[in-house]
Amino acid sequence: MSVENEVVMTLNLEGLLCPIPVVKVSKAMQDLPVGGVLEATATDPGVLADIPAWARTTGNEVIKIEREGKLVKFQIRRLK
């Protein structure tokens, strides 16, 4: 099953340290429509654990999260 991940919003969180990336993602997700996808980049390796944990507790879906060197890229879908 292939679902089109239409990115509605992008965030550059590079250079920001915990907890700021999660705070900014949380705020941005409030402005997305249900089903909307947020795409972000960050340099804090803590987001590899923090973003999936945040998504689980808020009922959102991490579509992908990957690390390329020091850069972490991720997409989250708003589910409710």
PDB file of N, CA and C in Angstrom:
ATOM      1  N   MET A   1       0.847  -1.178   0.000  1.00  0.00           N
ATOM      2  CA  MET A   1       0.000   0.000   0.000  1.00  0.00           C
ATOM      3  C   MET A   1       0.886   1.233   0.000  1.00  0.00           C
ATOM      4  N   SER A   2       0.679   2.104  -0.952  1.00  0.00           N
ATOM      5  CA  SER A   2       1.469   3.319  -1.043  1.00  0.00           C
ATOM      6  C   SER A   2       0.593   4.520  -0.731  1.00  0.00           C
ATOM      7  N   VAL A   3       1.032   5.317   0.212  1.00  0.00           N
ATOM      8  CA  VAL A   3       0.292   6.519   0.578  1.00  0.00           C
ATOM      9  C   VAL A   3       1.155   7.714   0.210  1.00  0.00           C
ATOM     10  N   GLU A   4       0.566   8.650  -0.488  1.00  0.00           N
ATOM     11  CA  GLU A   4       1.288   9.859  -0.879  1.00  0.00           C
ATOM     12  C   GLU A   4       1.507  10.727   0.354  1.00  0.00           C
ATOM     13  N   ASN A   5       2.758  11.072   0.614  1.00  0.00           N
ATOM     14  CA  ASN A   5       3.090  11.910   1.759  1.00  0.00           C
ATOM     15  C   ASN A   5       3.271  13.346   1.283  1.00  0.00           C
ATOM     16  N   GLU A   6       2.178  14.076   1.202  1.00  0.00           N
ATOM     17  CA  GLU A   6       2.245  15.452   0.761  1.00  0.00           C
ATOM     18  C   GLU A   6       2.696  16.327   1.929  1.00  0.00           C
ATOM     19  N   VAL A   7       3.863  16.899   1.800  1.00  0.00           N
ATOM     20  CA  VAL A   7       4.408  17.739   2.861  1.00  0.00           C
ATOM     21  C   VAL A   7       3.672  19.076   2.853  1.00  0.00           C
ATOM     22  N   VAL A   8       3.067  19.400   3.987  1.00  0.00           N
ATOM     23  CA  VAL A   8       2.309  20.633   4.127  1.00  0.00           C
ATOM     24  C   VAL A   8       3.189  21.734   4.711  1.00  0.00           C
ATOM     25  N   MET A   9       4.142  21.340   5.564  1.00  0.00           N
ATOM     26  CA  MET A   9       4.983  22.321   6.237  1.00  0.00           C
ATOM     27  C   MET A   9       6.391  21.755   6.414  1.00  0.00           C
ATOM     28  N   THR A  10       7.394  22.630   6.335  1.00  0.00           N
ATOM     29  CA  THR A  10       8.762  22.211   6.597  1.00  0.00           C
ATOM     30  C   THR A  10       9.334  23.067   7.726  1.00  0.00           C
ATOM     31  N   LEU A  11      10.203  22.451   8.505  1.00  0.00           N
ATOM     32  CA  LEU A  11      10.876  23.145   9.602  1.00  0.00           C
ATOM     33  C   LEU A  11      12.371  22.888   9.527  1.00  0.00           C
ATOM     34  N   ASN A  12      13.147  23.922   9.770  1.00  0.00           N
ATOM     35  CA  ASN A  12      14.595  23.777   9.889  1.00  0.00           C
ATOM     36  C   ASN A  12      14.918  23.931  11.368  1.00  0.00           C
ATOM     37  N   LEU A  13      15.289  22.837  12.013  1.00  0.00           N
ATOM     38  CA  LEU A  13      15.592  22.826  13.440  1.00  0.00           C
ATOM     39  C   LEU A  13      17.087  22.662  13.686  1.00  0.00           C
ATOM     40  N   GLU A  14      17.868  22.869  12.641  1.00  0.00           N
ATOM     41  CA  GLU A  14      19.309  22.673  12.729  1.00  0.00           C
ATOM     42  C   GLU A  14      19.925  23.678  13.712  1.00  0.00           C
ATOM     43  N   GLY A  15      20.818  23.165  14.567  1.00  0.00           N
ATOM     44  CA  GLY A  15      21.488  24.007  15.548  1.00  0.00           C
ATOM     45  C   GLY A  15      20.737  24.156  16.857  1.00  0.00           C
ATOM     46  N   LEU A  16      19.502  23.663  16.916  1.00  0.00           N
ATOM     47  CA  LEU A  16      18.707  23.762  18.144  1.00  0.00           C
ATOM     48  C   LEU A  16      18.883  22.499  18.978  1.00  0.00           C
ATOM     49  N   LEU A  17      18.957  22.670  20.284  1.00  0.00           N
ATOM     50  CA  LEU A  17      19.153  21.546  21.196  1.00  0.00           C
ATOM     51  C   LEU A  17      17.889  21.263  21.987  1.00  0.00           C
ATOM     52  N   CYS A  18      17.811  20.043  22.491  1.00  0.00           N
ATOM     53  CA  CYS A  18      16.697  19.571  23.290  1.00  0.00           C
ATOM     54  C   CYS A  18      16.419  20.562  24.422  1.00  0.00           C
ATOM     55  N   PRO A  19      15.192  20.893  24.668  1.00  0.00           N
ATOM     56  CA  PRO A  19      13.934  20.355  24.122  1.00  0.00           C
ATOM     57  C   PRO A  19      13.348  21.183  22.983  1.00  0.00           C
ATOM     58  N   ILE A  20      14.072  22.168  22.488  1.00  0.00           N
ATOM     59  CA  ILE A  20      13.519  23.105  21.510  1.00  0.00           C
ATOM     60  C   ILE A  20      12.986  22.432  20.236  1.00  0.00           C
ATOM     61  N   PRO A  21      13.681  21.448  19.630  1.00  0.00           N
ATOM     62  CA  PRO A  21      13.098  20.828  18.431  1.00  0.00           C
ATOM     63  C   PRO A  21      11.708  20.222  18.678  1.00  0.00           C
ATOM     64  N   VAL A  22      11.534  19.555  19.795  1.00  0.00           N
ATOM     65  CA  VAL A  22      10.228  18.945  20.095  1.00  0.00           C
ATOM     66  C   VAL A  22       9.180  20.023  20.343  1.00  0.00           C
ATOM     67  N   VAL A  23       9.557  21.078  21.031  1.00  0.00           N
ATOM     68  CA  VAL A  23       8.622  22.184  21.295  1.00  0.00           C
ATOM     69  C   VAL A  23       8.165  22.812  19.983  1.00  0.00           C
ATOM     70  N   LYS A  24       9.095  23.048  19.068  1.00  0.00           N
ATOM     71  CA  LYS A  24       8.751  23.660  17.783  1.00  0.00           C
ATOM     72  C   LYS A  24       7.910  22.720  16.908  1.00  0.00           C
ATOM     73  N   VAL A  25       8.211  21.433  16.941  1.00  0.00           N
ATOM     74  CA  VAL A  25       7.408  20.458  16.196  1.00  0.00           C
ATOM     75  C   VAL A  25       5.984  20.428  16.761  1.00  0.00           C
ATOM     76  N   SER A  26       5.872  20.390  18.069  1.00  0.00           N
ATOM     77  CA  SER A  26       4.561  20.353  18.713  1.00  0.00           C
ATOM     78  C   SER A  26       3.720  21.565  18.324  1.00  0.00           C
ATOM     79  N   LYS A  27       4.316  22.730  18.348  1.00  0.00           N
ATOM     80  CA  LYS A  27       3.606  23.963  17.980  1.00  0.00           C
ATOM     81  C   LYS A  27       3.208  23.929  16.507  1.00  0.00           C
ATOM     82  N   ALA A  28       4.123  23.523  15.641  1.00  0.00           N
ATOM     83  CA  ALA A  28       3.841  23.493  14.201  1.00  0.00           C
ATOM     84  C   ALA A  28       2.731  22.500  13.869  1.00  0.00           C
ATOM     85  N   MET A  29       2.699  21.377  14.559  1.00  0.00           N
ATOM     86  CA  MET A  29       1.682  20.358  14.282  1.00  0.00           C
ATOM     87  C   MET A  29       0.276  20.879  14.552  1.00  0.00           C
ATOM     88  N   GLN A  30       0.138  21.815  15.461  1.00  0.00           N
ATOM     89  CA  GLN A  30      -1.180  22.396  15.758  1.00  0.00           C
ATOM     90  C   GLN A  30      -1.732  23.166  14.557  1.00  0.00           C
ATOM     91  N   ASP A  31      -0.844  23.655  13.691  1.00  0.00           N
ATOM     92  CA  ASP A  31      -1.262  24.428  12.525  1.00  0.00           C
ATOM     93  C   ASP A  31      -1.504  23.568  11.283  1.00  0.00           C
ATOM     94  N   LEU A  32      -1.216  22.268  11.388  1.00  0.00           N
ATOM     95  CA  LEU A  32      -1.425  21.362  10.251  1.00  0.00           C
ATOM     96  C   LEU A  32      -2.845  20.821  10.253  1.00  0.00           C
ATOM     97  N   PRO A  33      -3.413  20.586   9.073  1.00  0.00           N
ATOM     98  CA  PRO A  33      -4.697  19.890   9.028  1.00  0.00           C
ATOM     99  C   PRO A  33      -4.486  18.415   9.372  1.00  0.00           C
ATOM    100  N   VAL A  34      -5.523  17.763   9.839  1.00  0.00           N
ATOM    101  CA  VAL A  34      -5.444  16.323  10.094  1.00  0.00           C
ATOM    102  C   VAL A  34      -5.079  15.642   8.776  1.00  0.00           C
ATOM    103  N   GLY A  35      -4.084  14.761   8.828  1.00  0.00           N
ATOM    104  CA  GLY A  35      -3.582  14.096   7.630  1.00  0.00           C
ATOM    105  C   GLY A  35      -2.393  14.817   7.018  1.00  0.00           C
ATOM    106  N   GLY A  36      -2.142  16.040   7.458  1.00  0.00           N
ATOM    107  CA  GLY A  36      -1.022  16.823   6.935  1.00  0.00           C
ATOM    108  C   GLY A  36       0.311  16.267   7.406  1.00  0.00           C
ATOM    109  N   VAL A  37       1.344  16.507   6.604  1.00  0.00           N
ATOM    110  CA  VAL A  37       2.677  15.991   6.903  1.00  0.00           C
ATOM    111  C   VAL A  37       3.637  17.147   7.135  1.00  0.00           C
ATOM    112  N   LEU A  38       4.368  17.058   8.221  1.00  0.00           N
ATOM    113  CA  LEU A  38       5.430  17.998   8.542  1.00  0.00           C
ATOM    114  C   LEU A  38       6.758  17.320   8.257  1.00  0.00           C
ATOM    115  N   GLU A  39       7.639  18.035   7.576  1.00  0.00           N
ATOM    116  CA  GLU A  39       8.980  17.522   7.297  1.00  0.00           C
ATOM    117  C   GLU A  39       9.972  18.455   7.979  1.00  0.00           C
ATOM    118  N   ALA A  40      10.961  17.888   8.656  1.00  0.00           N
ATOM    119  CA  ALA A  40      11.922  18.719   9.374  1.00  0.00           C
ATOM    120  C   ALA A  40      13.328  18.150   9.277  1.00  0.00           C
ATOM    121  N   THR A  41      14.297  19.047   9.478  1.00  0.00           N
ATOM    122  CA  THR A  41      15.696  18.661   9.585  1.00  0.00           C
ATOM    123  C   THR A  41      16.221  19.191  10.908  1.00  0.00           C
ATOM    124  N   ALA A  42      17.092  18.417  11.541  1.00  0.00           N
ATOM    125  CA  ALA A  42      17.667  18.795  12.828  1.00  0.00           C
ATOM    126  C   ALA A  42      19.089  18.262  12.911  1.00  0.00           C
ATOM    127  N   THR A  43      19.860  18.850  13.795  1.00  0.00           N
ATOM    128  CA  THR A  43      21.228  18.379  14.010  1.00  0.00           C
ATOM    129  C   THR A  43      21.412  17.787  15.402  1.00  0.00           C
ATOM    130  N   ASP A  44      20.429  17.941  16.279  1.00  0.00           N
ATOM    131  CA  ASP A  44      20.505  17.361  17.621  1.00  0.00           C
ATOM    132  C   ASP A  44      20.185  15.871  17.519  1.00  0.00           C
ATOM    133  N   PRO A  45      21.157  14.980  17.808  1.00  0.00           N
ATOM    134  CA  PRO A  45      20.890  13.543  17.690  1.00  0.00           C
ATOM    135  C   PRO A  45      19.795  13.065  18.644  1.00  0.00           C
ATOM    136  N   GLY A  46      19.470  13.857  19.637  1.00  0.00           N
ATOM    137  CA  GLY A  46      18.399  13.493  20.565  1.00  0.00           C
ATOM    138  C   GLY A  46      17.042  13.358  19.905  1.00  0.00           C
ATOM    139  N   VAL A  47      16.841  14.012  18.750  1.00  0.00           N
ATOM    140  CA  VAL A  47      15.542  13.907  18.082  1.00  0.00           C
ATOM    141  C   VAL A  47      15.267  12.494  17.590  1.00  0.00           C
ATOM    142  N   LEU A  48      16.316  11.689  17.404  1.00  0.00           N
ATOM    143  CA  LEU A  48      16.117  10.299  16.971  1.00  0.00           C
ATOM    144  C   LEU A  48      15.268   9.524  17.978  1.00  0.00           C
ATOM    145  N   ALA A  49      15.373   9.850  19.246  1.00  0.00           N
ATOM    146  CA  ALA A  49      14.555   9.218  20.287  1.00  0.00           C
ATOM    147  C   ALA A  49      13.373  10.104  20.673  1.00  0.00           C
ATOM    148  N   ASP A  50      13.611  11.416  20.738  1.00  0.00           N
ATOM    149  CA  ASP A  50      12.582  12.334  21.240  1.00  0.00           C
ATOM    150  C   ASP A  50      11.374  12.449  20.319  1.00  0.00           C
ATOM    151  N   ILE A  51      11.586  12.526  19.014  1.00  0.00           N
ATOM    152  CA  ILE A  51      10.459  12.703  18.089  1.00  0.00           C
ATOM    153  C   ILE A  51       9.549  11.470  18.064  1.00  0.00           C
ATOM    154  N   PRO A  52      10.078  10.245  17.951  1.00  0.00           N
ATOM    155  CA  PRO A  52       9.173   9.089  18.023  1.00  0.00           C
ATOM    156  C   PRO A  52       8.432   8.997  19.359  1.00  0.00           C
ATOM    157  N   ALA A  53       9.102   9.332  20.459  1.00  0.00           N
ATOM    158  CA  ALA A  53       8.442   9.297  21.776  1.00  0.00           C
ATOM    159  C   ALA A  53       7.330  10.335  21.834  1.00  0.00           C
ATOM    160  N   TRP A  54       7.598  11.529  21.324  1.00  0.00           N
ATOM    161  CA  TRP A  54       6.583  12.582  21.303  1.00  0.00           C
ATOM    162  C   TRP A  54       5.387  12.153  20.444  1.00  0.00           C
ATOM    163  N   ALA A  55       5.671  11.572  19.277  1.00  0.00           N
ATOM    164  CA  ALA A  55       4.595  11.153  18.375  1.00  0.00           C
ATOM    165  C   ALA A  55       3.702  10.100  19.029  1.00  0.00           C
ATOM    166  N   ARG A  56       4.321   9.143  19.726  1.00  0.00           N
ATOM    167  CA  ARG A  56       3.535   8.108  20.410  1.00  0.00           C
ATOM    168  C   ARG A  56       2.619   8.722  21.466  1.00  0.00           C
ATOM    169  N   THR A  57       3.124   9.661  22.231  1.00  0.00           N
ATOM    170  CA  THR A  57       2.325  10.230  23.322  1.00  0.00           C
ATOM    171  C   THR A  57       1.253  11.194  22.826  1.00  0.00           C
ATOM    172  N   THR A  58       1.422  11.731  21.617  1.00  0.00           N
ATOM    173  CA  THR A  58       0.441  12.684  21.092  1.00  0.00           C
ATOM    174  C   THR A  58      -0.491  12.077  20.049  1.00  0.00           C
ATOM    175  N   GLY A  59      -0.261  10.820  19.688  1.00  0.00           N
ATOM    176  CA  GLY A  59      -1.133  10.165  18.719  1.00  0.00           C
ATOM    177  C   GLY A  59      -0.867  10.557  17.277  1.00  0.00           C
ATOM    178  N   ASN A  60       0.361  10.952  16.978  1.00  0.00           N
ATOM    179  CA  ASN A  60       0.755  11.265  15.606  1.00  0.00           C
ATOM    180  C   ASN A  60       1.644  10.151  15.072  1.00  0.00           C
ATOM    181  N   GLU A  61       1.946  10.194  13.779  1.00  0.00           N
ATOM    182  CA  GLU A  61       2.684   9.101  13.141  1.00  0.00           C
ATOM    183  C   GLU A  61       4.002   9.588  12.551  1.00  0.00           C
ATOM    184  N   VAL A  62       5.097   8.970  12.968  1.00  0.00           N
ATOM    185  CA  VAL A  62       6.383   9.233  12.328  1.00  0.00           C
ATOM    186  C   VAL A  62       6.410   8.404  11.051  1.00  0.00           C
ATOM    187  N   ILE A  63       6.461   9.070   9.918  1.00  0.00           N
ATOM    188  CA  ILE A  63       6.474   8.384   8.631  1.00  0.00           C
ATOM    189  C   ILE A  63       7.883   7.888   8.335  1.00  0.00           C
ATOM    190  N   LYS A  64       8.853   8.765   8.568  1.00  0.00           N
ATOM    191  CA  LYS A  64      10.241   8.350   8.384  1.00  0.00           C
ATOM    192  C   LYS A  64      11.133   9.218   9.256  1.00  0.00           C
ATOM    193  N   ILE A  65      12.238   8.628   9.649  1.00  0.00           N
ATOM    194  CA  ILE A  65      13.270   9.357  10.381  1.00  0.00           C
ATOM    195  C   ILE A  65      14.592   8.714   9.985  1.00  0.00           C
ATOM    196  N   GLU A  66      15.512   9.528   9.503  1.00  0.00           N
ATOM    197  CA  GLU A  66      16.785   8.999   9.035  1.00  0.00           C
ATOM    198  C   GLU A  66      17.908   9.974   9.347  1.00  0.00           C
ATOM    199  N   ARG A  67      19.079   9.422   9.506  1.00  0.00           N
ATOM    200  CA  ARG A  67      20.250  10.237   9.815  1.00  0.00           C
ATOM    201  C   ARG A  67      21.235  10.149   8.663  1.00  0.00           C
ATOM    202  N   GLU A  68      21.700  11.312   8.237  1.00  0.00           N
ATOM    203  CA  GLU A  68      22.720  11.399   7.192  1.00  0.00           C
ATOM    204  C   GLU A  68      23.855  12.235   7.764  1.00  0.00           C
ATOM    205  N   GLY A  69      24.871  11.572   8.287  1.00  0.00           N
ATOM    206  CA  GLY A  69      25.942  12.298   8.961  1.00  0.00           C
ATOM    207  C   GLY A  69      25.398  12.941  10.223  1.00  0.00           C
ATOM    208  N   LYS A  70      25.539  14.249  10.336  1.00  0.00           N
ATOM    209  CA  LYS A  70      25.037  14.961  11.512  1.00  0.00           C
ATOM    210  C   LYS A  70      23.601  15.434  11.339  1.00  0.00           C
ATOM    211  N   LEU A  71      23.053  15.281  10.144  1.00  0.00           N
ATOM    212  CA  LEU A  71      21.714  15.770   9.853  1.00  0.00           C
ATOM    213  C   LEU A  71      20.675  14.667  10.041  1.00  0.00           C
ATOM    214  N   VAL A  72      19.616  14.993  10.757  1.00  0.00           N
ATOM    215  CA  VAL A  72      18.489  14.074  10.941  1.00  0.00           C
ATOM    216  C   VAL A  72      17.304  14.657  10.180  1.00  0.00           C
ATOM    217  N   LYS A  73      16.705  13.843   9.318  1.00  0.00           N
ATOM    218  CA  LYS A  73      15.519  14.252   8.566  1.00  0.00           C
ATOM    219  C   LYS A  73      14.354  13.384   9.018  1.00  0.00           C
ATOM    220  N   PHE A  74      13.206  14.008   9.209  1.00  0.00           N
ATOM    221  CA  PHE A  74      12.037  13.216   9.590  1.00  0.00           C
ATOM    222  C   PHE A  74      10.756  13.832   9.052  1.00  0.00           C
ATOM    223  N   GLN A  75       9.735  12.958   8.954  1.00  0.00           N
ATOM    224  CA  GLN A  75       8.389  13.366   8.543  1.00  0.00           C
ATOM    225  C   GLN A  75       7.406  12.820   9.563  1.00  0.00           C
ATOM    226  N   ILE A  76       6.423  13.646   9.906  1.00  0.00           N
ATOM    227  CA  ILE A  76       5.385  13.263  10.862  1.00  0.00           C
ATOM    228  C   ILE A  76       4.035  13.612  10.251  1.00  0.00           C
ATOM    229  N   ARG A  77       3.085  12.665  10.363  1.00  0.00           N
ATOM    230  CA  ARG A  77       1.717  12.908   9.897  1.00  0.00           C
ATOM    231  C   ARG A  77       0.831  13.192  11.106  1.00  0.00           C
ATOM    232  N   ARG A  78       0.033  14.260  10.991  1.00  0.00           N
ATOM    233  CA  ARG A  78      -0.933  14.572  12.045  1.00  0.00           C
ATOM    234  C   ARG A  78      -2.124  13.639  11.890  1.00  0.00           C
ATOM    235  N   LEU A  79      -2.429  12.896  12.944  1.00  0.00           N
ATOM    236  CA  LEU A  79      -3.527  11.932  12.880  1.00  0.00           C
ATOM    237  C   LEU A  79      -4.793  12.412  13.568  1.00  0.00           C
ATOM    238  N   LYS A  80      -4.652  13.387  14.483  1.00  0.00           N
ATOM    239  CA  LYS A  80      -5.870  13.893  15.140  1.00  0.00           C
ATOM    240  C   LYS A  80      -5.708  15.319  15.558  1.00  0.00           C
TER     241      LYS A  80
END
